[in-house]
Amino acid sequence: MRKLCLFLMIATMAVMIGACSHSKMDKKNDDLVFVEGGSFTSDKSSDNVKSVKLPNFYIGKHEVTQAEWVKVMGSNPSEFIGENLPVEMVSWYDAVEYCNRRSMQEGFVPYYNIDKEQQDSNNKNGNDPIKWTVTIHEGADGYRLPTEAEWEYAASGGQVSKGYTYSGSNQADEVAWYWRNAGDKYLNGNWNWPVIESNHNQTKRIGTRKPNELGIYDMSGNVREWCWDWFEDTNFASGTFRVVKGGGWIGDVSNNEISFRGKFDPNGFGPDQGFRVVRGG
C-alpha cells in the first residue's frame, strides 16, 4: 500500500511538472516565435551585424501591446490608447525595466542588472540625465531586448528568408504602417508633418498587416523598436545613442527597410517609439 501511495505521489508530481513546463512552452508558442539560429550576413547594415553567428532564440510575434504593458507596469504612457495598439512613449530604460518586471511576474530570472544609483560611465549622451548602469545577468532566462543582429535576422526571415527589402515583402504597403498609409487616406507627395497630422496618422492594431516568413508581424513600420545595442560601438560597450529598428508610422518608407539603422537618446520617447521582447532558445 505504501509503495502504491508513493507511486501515485511521484506520478502526480510528474504530471504537475510536465504541466508547468508545457504551460511555459505554450506561452512561447502563443506570444513568441522560435527563430532557429545560424550564420547571418548583412551587406547593408552596421559592422555589428555584417557577419555574425546567432544561437536559437524566441522573439515577440508582435510589438509589446498596451494591454501587456499595463499588466506588468500598472499604467499606460501611450499617446494613442488601445489595448491592442503597441505601447509607445517609452524610453530604452522603460523597456529594460519592463523586461525585468515581466520576467519576475512570470517566474523567470531577470535578464538585466539595473543600478539606478550608479551612472553609466560608458553612456556618452549629454542629453541623458538618467544613465542607469544596466548590465546582463549571465545565465538568466528572462525577457530582454533583441540585439540589433537578432532583430535584423528575425525581420529578414532567419533560415527561411526570401531576401525581402521589408519584413515579409518587397512592397511596403503589404507589411508596414508608415507615413503614407497610417491615416485617414493614402498620402502622396513628399513627407510633410502638417499633412500627416491633419490626416490623423497614428499607430495601428498589431497583426493587421501581412507577417514575414517566420510569422512575425510589424517589424516594418507601426512603431520603431528599441534594441540593446549602442549605435556607435561595435563591441556594444559604449555610445551616445541606442539602436532603433523597423521605422514607424511617422517615418518615411526607407526607415521600414530591414537594414535601416535608426538611433535615439536612451531616455528619449515618442508616439512612434516602442519595442518587442526576446528570450533565449
Protein backbone atom coordinates (compact mmCIF):
# COMPACT_ATOMS: atom_id res chain seq x y z
CA MET A 1 0.00 0.00 0.00
CA ARG A 2 2.81 2.38 0.93
CA LYS A 3 4.52 1.62 -2.39
CA LEU A 4 1.27 2.36 -4.25
CA CYS A 5 0.86 5.71 -2.45
CA LEU A 6 4.48 6.61 -3.19
CA PHE A 7 3.99 5.72 -6.86
CA LEU A 8 0.83 7.86 -7.05
CA MET A 9 2.63 10.82 -5.43
CA ILE A 10 5.53 10.58 -7.89
CA ALA A 11 3.14 10.25 -10.82
CA THR A 12 1.15 13.29 -9.64
CA MET A 13 4.32 15.38 -9.26
CA ALA A 14 5.49 14.35 -12.73
CA VAL A 15 2.15 15.43 -14.21
CA MET A 16 2.34 18.78 -12.38
CA ILE A 17 5.93 19.42 -13.52
CA GLY A 18 5.03 18.41 -17.04
CA ALA A 19 2.01 20.71 -16.99
CA CYS A 20 4.14 23.65 -15.80
CA SER A 21 6.73 23.02 -18.48
CA HIS A 22 4.01 22.62 -21.10
CA SER A 23 2.44 25.88 -19.91
CA LYS A 24 5.73 27.73 -20.40
CA MET A 25 6.16 26.24 -23.86
CA ASP A 26 2.56 27.14 -24.72
CA LYS A 27 3.31 30.71 -23.72
CA LYS A 28 6.33 30.77 -26.01
CA ASN A 29 4.22 29.37 -28.81
CA ASP A 30 1.42 31.87 -28.23
CA ASP A 31 3.39 35.06 -27.72
CA LEU A 32 6.85 34.33 -29.09
CA VAL A 33 8.15 32.94 -32.36
CA PHE A 34 11.03 30.48 -32.40
CA VAL A 35 13.97 31.65 -34.53
CA GLU A 36 16.47 28.97 -35.49
CA GLY A 37 19.97 30.38 -35.18
CA GLY A 38 22.67 30.38 -37.79
CA SER A 39 25.18 32.49 -39.65
CA PHE A 40 23.87 35.85 -40.74
CA THR A 41 25.43 38.41 -43.05
CA SER A 42 24.10 41.87 -43.81
CA ASP A 43 25.78 43.85 -46.56
CA LYS A 44 23.81 47.00 -45.79
CA SER A 45 23.78 47.32 -42.03
CA SER A 46 26.34 48.13 -39.35
CA ASP A 47 29.61 46.40 -38.51
CA ASN A 48 27.68 44.97 -35.54
CA VAL A 49 25.52 42.93 -37.89
CA LYS A 50 27.58 42.33 -41.03
CA SER A 51 28.74 38.82 -40.17
CA VAL A 52 27.59 37.04 -37.01
CA LYS A 53 26.62 33.57 -35.82
CA LEU A 54 23.48 33.58 -33.71
CA PRO A 55 22.14 30.86 -31.38
CA ASN A 56 18.44 29.95 -31.31
CA PHE A 57 16.12 32.47 -29.68
CA TYR A 58 12.47 33.42 -29.31
CA ILE A 59 11.17 36.83 -30.36
CA GLY A 60 7.83 38.55 -29.86
CA LYS A 61 5.31 37.72 -32.57
CA HIS A 62 4.04 41.28 -32.05
CA GLU A 63 5.28 44.54 -30.63
CA VAL A 64 4.52 44.81 -26.91
CA THR A 65 0.92 45.96 -26.63
CA GLN A 66 -0.58 48.44 -24.22
CA ALA A 67 -2.53 45.62 -22.53
CA GLU A 68 0.72 43.72 -21.94
CA TRP A 69 2.43 46.85 -20.68
CA VAL A 70 -0.34 47.75 -18.23
CA LYS A 71 -0.44 44.19 -16.87
CA VAL A 72 3.22 44.50 -15.92
CA MET A 73 3.76 48.20 -15.23
CA GLY A 74 0.33 49.27 -13.97
CA SER A 75 -0.17 52.41 -16.09
CA ASN A 76 -0.23 53.38 -19.75
CA PRO A 77 2.12 56.09 -21.10
CA SER A 78 0.87 55.87 -24.71
CA GLU A 79 -0.48 58.79 -26.72
CA PHE A 80 -2.82 56.64 -28.82
CA ILE A 81 -4.86 54.50 -26.46
CA GLY A 82 -5.96 50.96 -27.25
CA GLU A 83 -5.31 47.57 -25.65
CA ASN A 84 -4.14 46.03 -28.91
CA LEU A 85 -2.15 49.01 -30.10
CA PRO A 86 1.60 48.87 -29.48
CA VAL A 87 2.75 50.67 -26.36
CA GLU A 88 4.64 53.87 -27.18
CA MET A 89 6.10 56.90 -25.41
CA VAL A 90 8.55 54.52 -23.71
CA SER A 91 12.28 55.08 -23.34
CA TRP A 92 15.02 52.46 -23.56
CA TYR A 93 15.14 52.47 -19.76
CA ASP A 94 11.39 51.87 -19.58
CA ALA A 95 11.80 48.91 -21.94
CA VAL A 96 14.55 47.16 -19.95
CA GLU A 97 12.63 47.71 -16.71
CA TYR A 98 9.54 46.18 -18.30
CA CYS A 99 11.60 43.14 -19.33
CA ASN A 100 12.76 42.55 -15.76
CA ARG A 101 9.36 43.08 -14.19
CA ARG A 102 7.65 40.77 -16.68
CA SER A 103 10.32 38.14 -16.08
CA MET A 104 9.66 38.21 -12.33
CA GLN A 105 5.90 38.20 -12.86
CA GLU A 106 6.15 35.05 -14.99
CA GLY A 107 8.69 33.24 -12.84
CA PHE A 108 11.84 33.78 -14.92
CA VAL A 109 15.20 35.11 -13.76
CA PRO A 110 15.52 38.81 -14.72
CA TYR A 111 17.98 39.28 -17.55
CA TYR A 112 19.26 42.70 -16.55
CA ASN A 113 21.08 44.07 -13.53
CA ILE A 114 19.77 47.63 -13.21
CA ASP A 115 21.62 50.06 -10.95
CA LYS A 116 19.67 53.31 -10.78
CA GLU A 117 22.11 54.96 -8.40
CA GLN A 118 25.34 54.47 -10.38
CA GLN A 119 25.58 56.48 -13.59
CA ASP A 120 26.94 54.52 -16.54
CA SER A 121 30.37 55.90 -17.47
CA ASN A 122 30.01 54.32 -20.91
CA ASN A 123 26.97 56.46 -21.71
CA LYS A 124 28.34 59.45 -23.64
CA ASN A 125 24.98 61.16 -24.19
CA GLY A 126 24.98 64.72 -22.90
CA ASN A 127 21.17 64.94 -23.12
CA ASP A 128 20.55 61.88 -20.96
CA PRO A 129 20.48 62.66 -17.21
CA ILE A 130 19.29 59.13 -16.30
CA LYS A 131 22.25 56.96 -17.33
CA TRP A 132 21.34 53.90 -15.28
CA THR A 133 24.04 51.26 -15.29
CA VAL A 134 22.43 48.27 -16.99
CA THR A 135 24.38 45.03 -17.32
CA ILE A 136 23.49 41.48 -18.30
CA HIS A 137 22.78 38.83 -15.67
CA GLU A 138 24.65 35.91 -17.20
CA GLY A 139 22.63 32.72 -17.39
CA ALA A 140 19.29 34.42 -16.76
CA ASP A 141 16.31 33.10 -18.72
CA GLY A 142 14.14 36.23 -18.56
CA TYR A 143 12.87 38.65 -21.17
CA ARG A 144 15.20 41.13 -22.82
CA LEU A 145 15.56 43.45 -25.79
CA PRO A 146 16.87 41.94 -29.02
CA THR A 147 20.35 42.78 -30.17
CA GLU A 148 20.48 44.59 -33.49
CA ALA A 149 21.73 41.40 -35.15
CA GLU A 150 18.91 39.30 -33.68
CA TRP A 151 16.33 41.87 -34.69
CA GLU A 152 17.57 42.10 -38.28
CA TYR A 153 17.95 38.33 -38.60
CA ALA A 154 14.40 37.71 -37.37
CA ALA A 155 12.98 40.53 -39.51
CA SER A 156 14.64 39.06 -42.59
CA GLY A 157 13.09 35.64 -42.00
CA GLY A 158 16.05 33.83 -40.47
CA GLN A 159 16.82 30.49 -42.10
CA VAL A 160 13.78 30.77 -44.40
CA SER A 161 14.50 34.31 -45.59
CA LYS A 162 13.38 35.25 -49.09
CA GLY A 163 15.59 38.34 -49.11
CA TYR A 164 12.81 40.92 -48.98
CA THR A 165 13.54 44.63 -48.58
CA TYR A 166 10.89 44.98 -45.88
CA SER A 167 9.99 42.39 -43.26
CA GLY A 168 7.82 39.98 -45.26
CA SER A 169 7.59 41.69 -48.64
CA ASN A 170 9.19 43.90 -51.25
CA GLN A 171 6.02 46.00 -51.15
CA ALA A 172 5.95 48.20 -48.04
CA ASP A 173 2.18 48.63 -48.07
CA GLU A 174 1.69 44.88 -47.63
CA VAL A 175 3.56 44.71 -44.33
CA ALA A 176 4.17 48.19 -42.91
CA TRP A 177 2.35 51.13 -41.37
CA TYR A 178 4.24 54.31 -42.24
CA TRP A 179 3.50 57.95 -43.03
CA ARG A 180 1.70 57.35 -46.31
CA ASN A 181 -0.81 54.72 -45.15
CA ALA A 182 -1.26 55.19 -41.38
CA GLY A 183 -4.06 57.75 -41.52
CA ASP A 184 -7.47 58.54 -42.95
CA LYS A 185 -6.31 58.31 -46.55
CA TYR A 186 -3.23 57.31 -48.50
CA LEU A 187 -0.81 60.24 -48.80
CA ASN A 188 1.24 61.15 -51.85
CA GLY A 189 3.99 63.69 -52.47
CA ASN A 190 6.82 64.45 -50.08
CA TRP A 191 6.91 63.82 -46.34
CA ASN A 192 5.10 66.68 -44.62
CA TRP A 193 4.32 66.77 -40.90
CA PRO A 194 1.29 69.15 -41.05
CA VAL A 195 -0.25 66.90 -43.71
CA ILE A 196 0.48 63.77 -41.64
CA GLU A 197 -1.06 65.35 -38.55
CA SER A 198 -4.21 66.51 -40.35
CA ASN A 199 -4.55 63.01 -41.85
CA HIS A 200 -4.85 61.62 -38.28
CA ASN A 201 -1.95 59.25 -38.69
CA GLN A 202 -1.25 57.01 -35.70
CA THR A 203 -0.23 53.53 -34.54
CA LYS A 204 -2.34 50.61 -35.72
CA ARG A 205 -3.66 47.42 -34.12
CA ILE A 206 -0.96 44.75 -34.02
CA GLY A 207 -1.00 41.97 -36.58
CA THR A 208 -3.21 43.61 -39.20
CA ARG A 209 -0.59 43.60 -41.94
CA LYS A 210 0.99 40.54 -43.57
CA PRO A 211 3.56 38.69 -41.38
CA ASN A 212 7.07 37.84 -42.52
CA GLU A 213 8.43 34.40 -43.39
CA LEU A 214 8.57 33.38 -39.69
CA GLY A 215 5.08 34.62 -38.84
CA ILE A 216 6.29 37.81 -37.13
CA TYR A 217 4.22 40.97 -37.54
CA ASP A 218 5.01 44.69 -37.80
CA MET A 219 8.79 44.50 -37.94
CA SER A 220 8.49 47.13 -40.65
CA GLY A 221 6.50 50.16 -39.54
CA ASN A 222 3.94 50.84 -36.79
CA VAL A 223 6.47 51.76 -34.05
CA ARG A 224 10.24 51.96 -34.06
CA GLU A 225 11.69 49.23 -31.86
CA TRP A 226 14.39 49.55 -29.23
CA CYS A 227 17.40 47.23 -29.45
CA TRP A 228 20.03 46.51 -26.81
CA ASP A 229 22.98 47.90 -28.77
CA TRP A 230 24.75 51.21 -28.70
CA PHE A 231 24.54 52.81 -32.15
CA GLU A 232 28.22 53.71 -32.35
CA ASP A 233 30.15 50.86 -30.70
CA THR A 234 30.69 47.53 -32.48
CA ASN A 235 31.58 45.95 -29.12
CA PHE A 236 28.33 47.20 -27.53
CA ALA A 237 30.37 48.74 -24.72
CA SER A 238 29.64 52.46 -25.01
CA GLY A 239 27.99 55.14 -27.07
CA THR A 240 25.64 58.11 -27.29
CA PHE A 241 22.51 56.60 -28.84
CA ARG A 242 20.74 53.25 -28.68
CA VAL A 243 19.74 51.48 -31.89
CA VAL A 244 16.12 51.55 -33.04
CA LYS A 245 14.90 49.39 -35.93
CA GLY A 246 11.91 48.99 -38.21
CA GLY A 247 10.68 52.54 -38.71
CA GLY A 248 7.28 53.73 -37.54
CA TRP A 249 4.00 55.33 -38.55
CA ILE A 250 5.61 58.78 -38.77
CA GLY A 251 8.66 57.77 -40.80
CA ASP A 252 9.45 57.51 -44.48
CA VAL A 253 9.30 54.16 -46.26
CA SER A 254 13.11 53.93 -46.32
CA ASN A 255 13.04 53.66 -42.50
CA ASN A 256 10.96 50.49 -42.83
CA GLU A 257 13.72 48.63 -44.64
CA ILE A 258 15.11 45.73 -42.63
CA SER A 259 18.66 47.03 -42.91
CA PHE A 260 17.86 50.64 -41.89
CA ARG A 261 19.59 51.73 -38.68
CA GLY A 262 17.85 54.29 -36.53
CA LYS A 263 19.17 55.88 -33.35
CA PHE A 264 17.60 57.60 -30.37
CA ASP A 265 18.64 59.01 -26.98
CA PRO A 266 18.26 56.22 -24.39
CA ASN A 267 16.00 58.49 -22.35
CA GLY A 268 14.05 59.57 -25.44
CA PHE A 269 10.44 58.64 -26.11
CA GLY A 270 7.79 59.44 -28.66
CA PRO A 271 4.40 58.31 -30.04
CA ASP A 272 6.21 56.17 -32.62
CA GLN A 273 8.65 54.50 -30.19
CA GLY A 274 8.01 51.01 -28.82
CA PHE A 275 9.70 47.60 -28.67
CA ARG A 276 9.34 43.82 -28.72
CA VAL A 277 10.88 41.23 -26.42
CA VAL A 278 13.23 38.28 -26.82
CA ARG A 279 14.04 35.20 -24.75
CA GLY A 280 16.81 32.64 -25.18
CA GLY A 281 16.13 29.49 -27.19
